[in-house]
Amino acid sequence: MNVTLKLYATLSDYLPVEARRTNQLPMQVGDGTTVMDVISPLQMPAKLVHLVLINGHFVPPAARATRALAEGDVLAIWPPIAGG
């Protein structure tokens, strides 16, 4: 099935070079693929995977290993952001 991974801010460095300009990567994944199945191969430090959304809906850390993606889903991830 087709899904889109979007990584924001410094996380875009974990995308393939050709996807960094748009911060998104179209992906083909199998049925039952979870959020963690997509995140793990990218080898992003867990402390950087702060805000995770599927189609704009928050996925809490405890649900990321079991929340399966569906056809057309957009998985968006932001690192912790500080400011003042």
Protein backbone atom coordinates (compact mmCIF):
# COMPACT_ATOMS: atom_id res chain seq x y z
CA MET A 1 0.00 0.00 0.00
CA ASN A 2 1.09 3.60 -0.51
CA VAL A 3 1.85 5.92 2.41
CA THR A 4 3.81 9.15 2.74
CA LEU A 5 6.44 9.80 5.39
CA LYS A 6 7.12 13.44 6.26
CA LEU A 7 10.03 14.39 8.50
CA TYR A 8 10.36 17.95 9.74
CA ALA A 9 13.19 20.19 10.91
CA THR A 10 16.46 18.34 11.56
CA LEU A 11 14.79 14.95 11.04
CA SER A 12 14.83 15.53 7.29
CA ASP A 13 18.51 14.50 7.44
CA TYR A 14 17.27 10.93 7.95
CA LEU A 15 15.51 10.91 4.58
CA PRO A 16 17.23 9.80 1.38
CA VAL A 17 19.03 12.74 -0.26
CA GLU A 18 16.49 13.04 -3.08
CA ALA A 19 13.60 13.41 -0.58
CA ARG A 20 15.17 16.09 1.63
CA ARG A 21 14.12 18.98 -0.58
CA THR A 22 10.43 18.25 0.01
CA ASN A 23 10.80 16.62 3.47
CA GLN A 24 8.62 13.74 2.32
CA LEU A 25 9.07 10.25 1.04
CA PRO A 26 6.37 8.24 -0.72
CA MET A 27 6.64 4.64 0.44
CA GLN A 28 5.27 1.24 -0.42
CA VAL A 29 4.60 -0.77 2.75
CA GLY A 30 2.88 -4.06 3.47
CA ASP A 31 -0.44 -4.54 5.17
CA GLY A 32 -0.08 -4.35 8.94
CA THR A 33 2.97 -2.06 8.81
CA THR A 34 3.13 -0.05 12.04
CA VAL A 35 4.52 3.40 12.80
CA MET A 36 7.58 1.78 14.39
CA ASP A 37 8.08 -0.43 11.34
CA VAL A 38 8.58 2.75 9.32
CA ILE A 39 10.63 4.63 11.93
CA SER A 40 13.04 1.87 12.99
CA PRO A 41 14.96 1.41 9.71
CA LEU A 42 15.72 5.14 9.64
CA GLN A 43 17.73 4.76 12.87
CA MET A 44 16.51 8.04 14.31
CA PRO A 45 17.33 8.43 18.01
CA ALA A 46 14.16 7.84 20.03
CA LYS A 47 14.58 11.16 21.82
CA LEU A 48 14.22 12.93 18.45
CA VAL A 49 10.94 11.23 17.54
CA HIS A 50 8.78 13.56 19.58
CA LEU A 51 5.51 14.41 17.84
CA VAL A 52 4.03 11.71 15.61
CA LEU A 53 0.86 12.26 13.61
CA ILE A 54 -1.07 10.11 11.16
CA ASN A 55 -3.27 12.24 8.93
CA GLY A 56 -3.05 15.01 11.52
CA HIS A 57 -4.00 12.83 14.50
CA PHE A 58 -1.56 12.38 17.38
CA VAL A 59 -0.12 8.90 17.94
CA PRO A 60 1.10 8.55 21.55
CA PRO A 61 4.44 6.80 22.15
CA ALA A 62 2.75 3.73 23.68
CA ALA A 63 0.68 3.17 20.51
CA ARG A 64 3.45 3.54 17.92
CA ALA A 65 4.46 -0.12 17.98
CA THR A 66 0.90 -1.31 17.35
CA ARG A 67 -0.73 1.47 15.29
CA ALA A 68 -0.93 0.10 11.74
CA LEU A 69 -0.90 2.36 8.72
CA ALA A 70 -3.59 2.29 6.03
CA GLU A 71 -3.55 3.04 2.31
CA GLY A 72 -2.94 6.74 1.69
CA ASP A 73 -1.91 7.60 5.26
CA VAL A 74 0.50 10.46 5.86
CA LEU A 75 2.90 9.81 8.74
CA ALA A 76 4.44 13.06 9.97
CA ILE A 77 7.17 13.30 12.60
CA TRP A 78 8.66 16.33 14.38
CA PRO A 79 11.61 16.50 16.76
CA PRO A 80 11.33 18.31 20.10
CA ILE A 81 11.26 22.04 19.47
CA ALA A 82 12.60 24.66 21.85
CA GLY A 83 12.18 28.35 21.61
CA GLY A 84 11.67 31.40 23.59
